[in-house]
């Protein structure tokens, strides 16, 4: 006696088998009809990035304590280290600093402009920030590595800014430096905005850069948005 459910299951299996055989027949026919793809000229692979050197450059940036403090706080009056970080960036990325326009905004933020070959295209905006938050004194003995050590250990760069977010600023500049060395020019103008007070407000950094771009009549397609936002870098 054949149970109804087994009969239905056998019908489904037969249908699936027929479908697979039909698909295989189509693939074989197309393979015979189209033949092999034409040979292509071998292209040299791009030179891989020197990750060890890049890690050293990031570590050097982490060692510079570019801490942003709230306006009016006692610490805000202390000497800052943004000029030291600017010098470090200039040493690490000489092509960026010699071929791109650089604006220092409010003494600490940076705006780089990489002109594209087609001025009719809307620029693209890449953003990051150079500041970090201060260290809570009560956590000083809880750090695996000193907060501004820039140690390279266990496959990581350790310290304030290695994840938030000097790593993005450095990676962006690393990429542009590499492309410049290859003779590349973008079709679309590239704007690189590096703020200095994102951790407190962004008013003196990102907002000031946005105002500067607006004064120049520029709007940009943000790396974080597909909409033009001339008055904001968020």
C-alpha atoms as a PDB file:
ATOM      1  CA  UNK A   1       0.000   0.000   0.000  1.00  0.00           C
ATOM      2  CA  UNK A   2       1.354   3.379  -1.024  1.00  0.00           C
ATOM      3  CA  UNK A   3       0.668   6.208   1.390  1.00  0.00           C
ATOM      4  CA  UNK A   4      -0.578   9.454  -0.212  1.00  0.00           C
ATOM      5  CA  UNK A   5       2.191  11.532   1.367  1.00  0.00           C
ATOM      6  CA  UNK A   6       4.892   9.277  -0.093  1.00  0.00           C
ATOM      7  CA  UNK A   7       3.263   9.508  -3.499  1.00  0.00           C
ATOM      8  CA  UNK A   8       3.311  13.314  -3.324  1.00  0.00           C
ATOM      9  CA  UNK A   9       6.930  13.333  -2.144  1.00  0.00           C
ATOM     10  CA  UNK A  10       7.960  11.120  -5.051  1.00  0.00           C
ATOM     11  CA  UNK A  11       6.231  13.533  -7.449  1.00  0.00           C
ATOM     12  CA  UNK A  12       8.118  16.509  -5.960  1.00  0.00           C
ATOM     13  CA  UNK A  13      11.445  14.689  -6.232  1.00  0.00           C
ATOM     14  CA  UNK A  14      10.777  13.764  -9.865  1.00  0.00           C
ATOM     15  CA  UNK A  15       9.928  17.419 -10.634  1.00  0.00           C
ATOM     16  CA  UNK A  16      13.104  18.664  -8.965  1.00  0.00           C
ATOM     17  CA  UNK A  17      15.203  16.108 -10.853  1.00  0.00           C
ATOM     18  CA  UNK A  18      13.645  17.176 -14.135  1.00  0.00           C
ATOM     19  CA  UNK A  19      14.379  20.831 -13.295  1.00  0.00           C
ATOM     20  CA  UNK A  20      18.034  20.110 -12.491  1.00  0.00           C
ATOM     21  CA  UNK A  21      18.489  18.080 -15.681  1.00  0.00           C
ATOM     22  CA  UNK A  22      16.891  20.860 -17.719  1.00  0.00           C
ATOM     23  CA  UNK A  23      19.161  23.492 -16.171  1.00  0.00           C
ATOM     24  CA  UNK A  24      22.225  21.344 -16.824  1.00  0.00           C
ATOM     25  CA  UNK A  25      21.178  20.941 -20.467  1.00  0.00           C
ATOM     26  CA  UNK A  26      20.838  24.729 -20.871  1.00  0.00           C
ATOM     27  CA  UNK A  27      24.259  25.351 -19.325  1.00  0.00           C
ATOM     28  CA  UNK A  28      25.909  22.755 -21.563  1.00  0.00           C
ATOM     29  CA  UNK A  29      24.254  24.231 -24.649  1.00  0.00           C
ATOM     30  CA  UNK A  30      25.366  27.769 -23.782  1.00  0.00           C
ATOM     31  CA  UNK A  31      28.906  26.574 -23.094  1.00  0.00           C
ATOM     32  CA  UNK A  32      29.053  24.866 -26.503  1.00  0.00           C
ATOM     33  CA  UNK A  33      27.472  27.875 -28.258  1.00  0.00           C
ATOM     34  CA  UNK A  34      29.598  30.621 -26.696  1.00  0.00           C
ATOM     35  CA  UNK A  35      32.905  28.826 -26.548  1.00  0.00           C
ATOM     36  CA  UNK A  36      35.815  30.026 -24.449  1.00  0.00           C
ATOM     37  CA  UNK A  37      36.381  33.677 -23.554  1.00  0.00           C
ATOM     38  CA  UNK A  38      38.995  35.551 -25.579  1.00  0.00           C
ATOM     39  CA  UNK A  39      42.427  35.841 -24.030  1.00  0.00           C
ATOM     40  CA  UNK A  40      43.116  39.113 -22.221  1.00  0.00           C
ATOM     41  CA  UNK A  41      46.402  40.886 -21.701  1.00  0.00           C
ATOM     42  CA  UNK A  42      47.894  40.300 -18.300  1.00  0.00           C
ATOM     43  CA  UNK A  43      47.689  43.370 -16.060  1.00  0.00           C
ATOM     44  CA  UNK A  44      50.269  43.993 -13.356  1.00  0.00           C
ATOM     45  CA  UNK A  45      48.847  43.914  -9.873  1.00  0.00           C
ATOM     46  CA  UNK A  46      48.994  47.181  -7.924  1.00  0.00           C
ATOM     47  CA  UNK A  47      51.840  47.523  -5.492  1.00  0.00           C
ATOM     48  CA  UNK A  48      50.500  46.430  -2.094  1.00  0.00           C
ATOM     49  CA  UNK A  49      50.440  48.983   0.697  1.00  0.00           C
ATOM     50  CA  UNK A  50      53.272  48.843   3.195  1.00  0.00           C
ATOM     51  CA  UNK A  51      51.095  48.051   6.189  1.00  0.00           C
ATOM     52  CA  UNK A  52      53.983  48.001   8.654  1.00  0.00           C
ATOM     53  CA  UNK A  53      55.005  51.522   7.647  1.00  0.00           C
ATOM     54  CA  UNK A  54      51.384  52.675   7.753  1.00  0.00           C
ATOM     55  CA  UNK A  55      51.030  51.250  11.259  1.00  0.00           C
ATOM     56  CA  UNK A  56      54.131  53.168  12.334  1.00  0.00           C
ATOM     57  CA  UNK A  57      52.688  56.390  10.936  1.00  0.00           C
ATOM     58  CA  UNK A  58      49.396  55.805  12.749  1.00  0.00           C
ATOM     59  CA  UNK A  59      51.276  55.015  15.951  1.00  0.00           C
ATOM     60  CA  UNK A  60      53.133  58.313  15.609  1.00  0.00           C
ATOM     61  CA  UNK A  61      49.823  60.164  15.325  1.00  0.00           C
ATOM     62  CA  UNK A  62      48.419  58.351  18.378  1.00  0.00           C
ATOM     63  CA  UNK A  63      51.421  59.432  20.454  1.00  0.00           C
ATOM     64  CA  UNK A  64      50.484  63.087  19.972  1.00  0.00           C
ATOM     65  CA  UNK A  65      47.852  63.893  22.653  1.00  0.00           C
ATOM     66  CA  UNK A  66      45.450  66.056  20.670  1.00  0.00           C
ATOM     67  CA  UNK A  67      42.863  66.183  23.433  1.00  0.00           C
ATOM     68  CA  UNK A  68      39.852  68.441  23.014  1.00  0.00           C
ATOM     69  CA  UNK A  69      38.384  69.959  26.151  1.00  0.00           C
ATOM     70  CA  UNK A  70      35.061  71.685  26.675  1.00  0.00           C
ATOM     71  CA  UNK A  71      35.184  75.432  26.132  1.00  0.00           C
ATOM     72  CA  UNK A  72      35.714  77.317  29.369  1.00  0.00           C
ATOM     73  CA  UNK A  73      37.245  74.388  31.241  1.00  0.00           C
ATOM     74  CA  UNK A  74      40.550  74.850  33.045  1.00  0.00           C
ATOM     75  CA  UNK A  75      42.220  72.323  30.758  1.00  0.00           C
ATOM     76  CA  UNK A  76      41.135  74.220  27.642  1.00  0.00           C
ATOM     77  CA  UNK A  77      43.683  76.926  28.461  1.00  0.00           C
ATOM     78  CA  UNK A  78      46.569  74.448  28.387  1.00  0.00           C
ATOM     79  CA  UNK A  79      48.856  74.324  25.320  1.00  0.00           C
ATOM     80  CA  UNK A  80      47.517  71.923  22.716  1.00  0.00           C
ATOM     81  CA  UNK A  81      49.414  69.593  20.393  1.00  0.00           C
ATOM     82  CA  UNK A  82      47.565  70.012  17.118  1.00  0.00           C
ATOM     83  CA  UNK A  83      50.502  71.840  15.544  1.00  0.00           C
ATOM     84  CA  UNK A  84      52.650  68.803  16.388  1.00  0.00           C
ATOM     85  CA  UNK A  85      50.145  66.540  14.663  1.00  0.00           C
ATOM     86  CA  UNK A  86      50.066  68.822  11.609  1.00  0.00           C
ATOM     87  CA  UNK A  87      53.848  68.547  11.346  1.00  0.00           C
ATOM     88  CA  UNK A  88      53.616  64.774  11.666  1.00  0.00           C
ATOM     89  CA  UNK A  89      51.091  64.625   8.828  1.00  0.00           C
ATOM     90  CA  UNK A  90      53.300  66.818   6.645  1.00  0.00           C
ATOM     91  CA  UNK A  91      56.243  64.472   7.212  1.00  0.00           C
ATOM     92  CA  UNK A  92      54.174  61.344   6.578  1.00  0.00           C
ATOM     93  CA  UNK A  93      52.382  62.578   3.456  1.00  0.00           C
ATOM     94  CA  UNK A  94      54.627  64.947   1.475  1.00  0.00           C
ATOM     95  CA  UNK A  95      52.734  64.515  -1.804  1.00  0.00           C
ATOM     96  CA  UNK A  96      49.413  65.355  -0.177  1.00  0.00           C
ATOM     97  CA  UNK A  97      50.903  68.536   1.238  1.00  0.00           C
ATOM     98  CA  UNK A  98      52.680  69.585  -1.940  1.00  0.00           C
ATOM     99  CA  UNK A  99      49.984  68.833  -4.525  1.00  0.00           C
ATOM    100  CA  UNK A 100      46.721  69.434  -2.704  1.00  0.00           C
ATOM    101  CA  UNK A 101      45.504  72.759  -1.426  1.00  0.00           C
ATOM    102  CA  UNK A 102      45.649  72.851   2.359  1.00  0.00           C
ATOM    103  CA  UNK A 103      43.627  75.215   4.533  1.00  0.00           C
ATOM    104  CA  UNK A 104      44.178  75.409   8.279  1.00  0.00           C
ATOM    105  CA  UNK A 105      40.819  76.330   9.787  1.00  0.00           C
ATOM    106  CA  UNK A 106      40.715  77.989  13.200  1.00  0.00           C
ATOM    107  CA  UNK A 107      44.326  77.023  13.724  1.00  0.00           C
ATOM    108  CA  UNK A 108      43.685  73.308  14.271  1.00  0.00           C
ATOM    109  CA  UNK A 109      41.329  71.794  11.695  1.00  0.00           C
ATOM    110  CA  UNK A 110      42.483  70.912   8.176  1.00  0.00           C
ATOM    111  CA  UNK A 111      40.796  71.021   4.795  1.00  0.00           C
ATOM    112  CA  UNK A 112      42.532  69.459   1.786  1.00  0.00           C
ATOM    113  CA  UNK A 113      41.257  70.030  -1.752  1.00  0.00           C
ATOM    114  CA  UNK A 114      42.240  67.614  -4.534  1.00  0.00           C
ATOM    115  CA  UNK A 115      40.996  69.116  -7.818  1.00  0.00           C
ATOM    116  CA  UNK A 116      39.282  66.748 -10.198  1.00  0.00           C
ATOM    117  CA  UNK A 117      39.620  66.715 -13.965  1.00  0.00           C
ATOM    118  CA  UNK A 118      35.906  67.450 -14.469  1.00  0.00           C
ATOM    119  CA  UNK A 119      34.866  70.633 -12.609  1.00  0.00           C
ATOM    120  CA  UNK A 120      31.244  70.030 -13.594  1.00  0.00           C
ATOM    121  CA  UNK A 121      31.031  67.089 -11.202  1.00  0.00           C
ATOM    122  CA  UNK A 122      29.996  67.694  -7.620  1.00  0.00           C
ATOM    123  CA  UNK A 123      32.911  67.169  -5.193  1.00  0.00           C
ATOM    124  CA  UNK A 124      32.999  64.259  -2.781  1.00  0.00           C
ATOM    125  CA  UNK A 125      33.611  64.980   0.902  1.00  0.00           C
ATOM    126  CA  UNK A 126      35.668  62.651   3.122  1.00  0.00           C
ATOM    127  CA  UNK A 127      35.645  63.414   6.831  1.00  0.00           C
ATOM    128  CA  UNK A 128      37.401  62.432  10.041  1.00  0.00           C
ATOM    129  CA  UNK A 129      38.521  64.171  13.219  1.00  0.00           C
ATOM    130  CA  UNK A 130      41.913  64.598  14.841  1.00  0.00           C
ATOM    131  CA  UNK A 131      40.912  65.106  18.469  1.00  0.00           C
ATOM    132  CA  UNK A 132      40.463  62.549  21.233  1.00  0.00           C
ATOM    133  CA  UNK A 133      38.780  62.594  24.628  1.00  0.00           C
ATOM    134  CA  UNK A 134      40.806  63.019  27.832  1.00  0.00           C
ATOM    135  CA  UNK A 135      41.674  60.132  30.115  1.00  0.00           C
ATOM    136  CA  UNK A 136      39.637  59.541  33.241  1.00  0.00           C
ATOM    137  CA  UNK A 137      42.216  59.718  36.073  1.00  0.00           C
ATOM    138  CA  UNK A 138      40.594  56.804  37.898  1.00  0.00           C
ATOM    139  CA  UNK A 139      41.254  54.510  34.919  1.00  0.00           C
ATOM    140  CA  UNK A 140      44.987  55.231  34.641  1.00  0.00           C
ATOM    141  CA  UNK A 141      45.984  51.856  36.103  1.00  0.00           C
ATOM    142  CA  UNK A 142      43.511  49.890  33.965  1.00  0.00           C
ATOM    143  CA  UNK A 143      45.167  50.406  30.591  1.00  0.00           C
ATOM    144  CA  UNK A 144      46.905  47.434  28.971  1.00  0.00           C
ATOM    145  CA  UNK A 145      49.137  49.968  27.209  1.00  0.00           C
ATOM    146  CA  UNK A 146      49.583  53.622  28.070  1.00  0.00           C
ATOM    147  CA  UNK A 147      46.798  55.698  26.466  1.00  0.00           C
ATOM    148  CA  UNK A 148      49.193  57.652  24.249  1.00  0.00           C
ATOM    149  CA  UNK A 149      51.904  55.034  23.884  1.00  0.00           C
ATOM    150  CA  UNK A 150      51.193  54.205  20.246  1.00  0.00           C
ATOM    151  CA  UNK A 151      52.492  50.721  21.007  1.00  0.00           C
ATOM    152  CA  UNK A 152      52.295  48.173  18.210  1.00  0.00           C
ATOM    153  CA  UNK A 153      51.646  44.811  19.831  1.00  0.00           C
ATOM    154  CA  UNK A 154      49.578  41.685  19.205  1.00  0.00           C
ATOM    155  CA  UNK A 155      48.610  42.931  15.760  1.00  0.00           C
ATOM    156  CA  UNK A 156      47.151  46.226  16.988  1.00  0.00           C
ATOM    157  CA  UNK A 157      48.117  49.873  17.352  1.00  0.00           C
ATOM    158  CA  UNK A 158      47.296  50.798  20.935  1.00  0.00           C
ATOM    159  CA  UNK A 159      46.216  54.178  22.244  1.00  0.00           C
ATOM    160  CA  UNK A 160      43.697  56.997  22.113  1.00  0.00           C
ATOM    161  CA  UNK A 161      42.644  57.697  18.552  1.00  0.00           C
ATOM    162  CA  UNK A 162      43.594  54.325  17.107  1.00  0.00           C
ATOM    163  CA  UNK A 163      39.859  53.596  16.720  1.00  0.00           C
ATOM    164  CA  UNK A 164      38.256  57.020  17.240  1.00  0.00           C
ATOM    165  CA  UNK A 165      39.293  58.263  14.852  1.00  0.00           C
ATOM    166  CA  UNK A 166      42.808  59.089  13.813  1.00  0.00           C
ATOM    167  CA  UNK A 167      42.837  55.746  12.014  1.00  0.00           C
ATOM    168  CA  UNK A 168      40.299  57.062   9.476  1.00  0.00           C
ATOM    169  CA  UNK A 169      42.209  60.312   8.968  1.00  0.00           C
ATOM    170  CA  UNK A 170      45.477  58.447   8.461  1.00  0.00           C
ATOM    171  CA  UNK A 171      43.934  55.799   6.189  1.00  0.00           C
ATOM    172  CA  UNK A 172      42.412  58.506   3.991  1.00  0.00           C
ATOM    173  CA  UNK A 173      45.717  60.346   3.661  1.00  0.00           C
ATOM    174  CA  UNK A 174      47.573  57.060   3.106  1.00  0.00           C
ATOM    175  CA  UNK A 175      45.256  56.295   0.185  1.00  0.00           C
ATOM    176  CA  UNK A 176      45.610  59.724  -1.392  1.00  0.00           C
ATOM    177  CA  UNK A 177      49.396  59.688  -1.000  1.00  0.00           C
ATOM    178  CA  UNK A 178      49.542  56.277  -2.704  1.00  0.00           C
ATOM    179  CA  UNK A 179      47.319  57.421  -5.571  1.00  0.00           C
ATOM    180  CA  UNK A 180      49.347  60.582  -6.078  1.00  0.00           C
ATOM    181  CA  UNK A 181      52.517  58.491  -6.276  1.00  0.00           C
ATOM    182  CA  UNK A 182      50.864  56.460  -9.051  1.00  0.00           C
ATOM    183  CA  UNK A 183      50.055  59.638 -10.999  1.00  0.00           C
ATOM    184  CA  UNK A 184      46.323  59.291 -10.466  1.00  0.00           C
ATOM    185  CA  UNK A 185      43.953  62.230 -10.775  1.00  0.00           C
ATOM    186  CA  UNK A 186      40.291  61.903  -9.824  1.00  0.00           C
ATOM    187  CA  UNK A 187      37.566  63.064 -12.198  1.00  0.00           C
ATOM    188  CA  UNK A 188      35.589  64.425  -9.253  1.00  0.00           C
ATOM    189  CA  UNK A 189      37.172  66.928  -6.864  1.00  0.00           C
ATOM    190  CA  UNK A 190      37.910  65.351  -3.473  1.00  0.00           C
ATOM    191  CA  UNK A 191      37.598  67.345  -0.253  1.00  0.00           C
ATOM    192  CA  UNK A 192      39.191  65.965   2.915  1.00  0.00           C
ATOM    193  CA  UNK A 193      37.931  67.649   6.085  1.00  0.00           C
ATOM    194  CA  UNK A 194      39.700  66.853   9.365  1.00  0.00           C
ATOM    195  CA  UNK A 195      38.074  68.544  12.353  1.00  0.00           C
ATOM    196  CA  UNK A 196      39.715  69.199  15.701  1.00  0.00           C
ATOM    197  CA  UNK A 197      36.804  69.410  18.180  1.00  0.00           C
ATOM    198  CA  UNK A 198      34.351  66.673  17.248  1.00  0.00           C
ATOM    199  CA  UNK A 199      34.498  65.262  20.772  1.00  0.00           C
ATOM    200  CA  UNK A 200      33.199  68.510  22.293  1.00  0.00           C
ATOM    201  CA  UNK A 201      30.955  70.207  19.730  1.00  0.00           C
ATOM    202  CA  UNK A 202      32.431  70.465  16.235  1.00  0.00           C
ATOM    203  CA  UNK A 203      31.533  74.158  16.111  1.00  0.00           C
ATOM    204  CA  UNK A 204      35.105  75.386  15.733  1.00  0.00           C
ATOM    205  CA  UNK A 205      36.115  72.593  13.381  1.00  0.00           C
ATOM    206  CA  UNK A 206      33.451  70.949  11.245  1.00  0.00           C
ATOM    207  CA  UNK A 207      31.066  73.902  11.300  1.00  0.00           C
ATOM    208  CA  UNK A 208      33.854  76.329  10.418  1.00  0.00           C
ATOM    209  CA  UNK A 209      34.973  74.137   7.516  1.00  0.00           C
ATOM    210  CA  UNK A 210      31.391  73.938   6.291  1.00  0.00           C
ATOM    211  CA  UNK A 211      31.140  77.731   6.459  1.00  0.00           C
ATOM    212  CA  UNK A 212      34.368  78.051   4.465  1.00  0.00           C
ATOM    213  CA  UNK A 213      33.058  75.710   1.778  1.00  0.00           C
ATOM    214  CA  UNK A 214      29.809  77.635   1.628  1.00  0.00           C
ATOM    215  CA  UNK A 215      31.700  80.900   1.202  1.00  0.00           C
ATOM    216  CA  UNK A 216      33.478  79.342  -1.757  1.00  0.00           C
ATOM    217  CA  UNK A 217      30.170  78.264  -3.243  1.00  0.00           C
ATOM    218  CA  UNK A 218      30.914  74.588  -2.812  1.00  0.00           C
ATOM    219  CA  UNK A 219      28.512  71.852  -1.910  1.00  0.00           C
ATOM    220  CA  UNK A 220      29.716  68.289  -1.580  1.00  0.00           C
ATOM    221  CA  UNK A 221      28.496  64.728  -1.680  1.00  0.00           C
ATOM    222  CA  UNK A 222      29.379  63.494   1.785  1.00  0.00           C
ATOM    223  CA  UNK A 223      31.046  60.147   2.368  1.00  0.00           C
ATOM    224  CA  UNK A 224      28.310  59.537   4.964  1.00  0.00           C
ATOM    225  CA  UNK A 225      25.385  60.690   2.854  1.00  0.00           C
ATOM    226  CA  UNK A 226      24.267  60.821  -0.756  1.00  0.00           C
ATOM    227  CA  UNK A 227      22.767  64.274  -0.300  1.00  0.00           C
ATOM    228  CA  UNK A 228      24.544  67.581  -0.765  1.00  0.00           C
ATOM    229  CA  UNK A 229      24.971  69.261   2.601  1.00  0.00           C
ATOM    230  CA  UNK A 230      26.890  72.533   2.187  1.00  0.00           C
ATOM    231  CA  UNK A 231      26.299  73.669   5.766  1.00  0.00           C
ATOM    232  CA  UNK A 232      27.326  70.529   7.630  1.00  0.00           C
ATOM    233  CA  UNK A 233      30.040  67.906   7.589  1.00  0.00           C
ATOM    234  CA  UNK A 234      28.052  65.315   9.554  1.00  0.00           C
END
